[in-house]
Amino acid sequence: MTPEATPPEEDPATSLEKSLEQARLAQETKDERQVWYFLAYFLFGIHFIAFVMIYAVRHAK
């Protein structure tokens, strides 16, 4: 008797690789979104501080 080879799409190692790849891509997407949020908040904060400083300089007595 010869063992039957499992098709590649049903191979446990292949399905594990696919699930790990999907998890990695999901985590990468989440991390990238967090980086963009951090950048947006940082740039907003820098501009807010700059506008406050401009206001303070223009209204100083």
Protein backbone atom coordinates (compact mmCIF):
# COMPACT_ATOMS: atom_id res chain seq x y z
CA MET A 1 0.00 0.00 0.00
CA THR A 2 1.27 3.44 -0.91
CA PRO A 3 0.17 6.46 1.11
CA GLU A 4 -1.86 8.90 -0.92
CA ALA A 5 -0.37 12.35 -1.23
CA THR A 6 -2.62 15.10 0.01
CA PRO A 7 -3.34 17.86 -2.51
CA PRO A 8 -1.43 21.08 -1.81
CA GLU A 9 -4.58 23.00 -0.91
CA GLU A 10 -5.42 20.46 1.80
CA ASP A 11 -1.90 20.07 3.14
CA PRO A 12 -1.82 21.11 6.84
CA ALA A 13 1.53 22.85 6.45
CA THR A 14 0.26 24.90 3.51
CA SER A 15 -2.94 25.86 5.31
CA LEU A 16 -0.87 26.85 8.37
CA GLU A 17 1.41 28.97 6.18
CA LYS A 18 -1.63 30.67 4.62
CA SER A 19 -3.19 31.42 7.99
CA LEU A 20 0.11 32.75 9.37
CA GLU A 21 0.59 34.92 6.28
CA GLN A 22 -2.94 36.31 6.62
CA ALA A 23 -2.34 37.04 10.31
CA ARG A 24 0.96 38.76 9.48
CA LEU A 25 -0.69 40.88 6.79
CA ALA A 26 -3.52 41.84 9.16
CA GLN A 27 -1.02 42.85 11.85
CA GLU A 28 1.05 44.79 9.31
CA THR A 29 -2.06 46.68 8.15
CA LYS A 30 -2.97 47.49 11.76
CA ASP A 31 0.56 48.67 12.52
CA GLU A 32 0.64 50.83 9.39
CA ARG A 33 -2.68 52.43 10.34
CA GLN A 34 -1.33 53.19 13.83
CA VAL A 35 1.75 54.84 12.31
CA TRP A 36 -0.44 57.10 10.16
CA TYR A 37 -2.57 58.03 13.19
CA PHE A 38 0.56 58.84 15.19
CA LEU A 39 1.88 60.99 12.34
CA ALA A 40 -1.44 62.83 12.02
CA TYR A 41 -1.63 63.58 15.75
CA PHE A 42 2.02 64.65 15.81
CA LEU A 43 1.59 67.05 12.87
CA PHE A 44 -1.63 68.45 14.35
CA GLY A 45 0.13 69.04 17.66
CA ILE A 46 3.08 70.79 16.01
CA HIS A 47 0.76 73.11 14.09
CA PHE A 48 -1.37 73.81 17.16
CA ILE A 49 1.71 74.78 19.17
CA ALA A 50 2.96 76.94 16.30
CA PHE A 51 -0.35 78.81 16.07
CA VAL A 52 -0.39 79.39 19.83
CA MET A 53 3.16 80.74 19.69
CA ILE A 54 2.31 83.03 16.75
CA TYR A 55 -0.72 84.32 18.66
CA ALA A 56 1.39 84.90 21.77
CA VAL A 57 4.07 86.82 19.85
CA ARG A 58 1.59 89.00 17.97
CA HIS A 59 -0.40 89.86 21.09
CA ALA A 60 2.52 90.45 23.43
CA LYS A 61 2.67 93.91 24.97
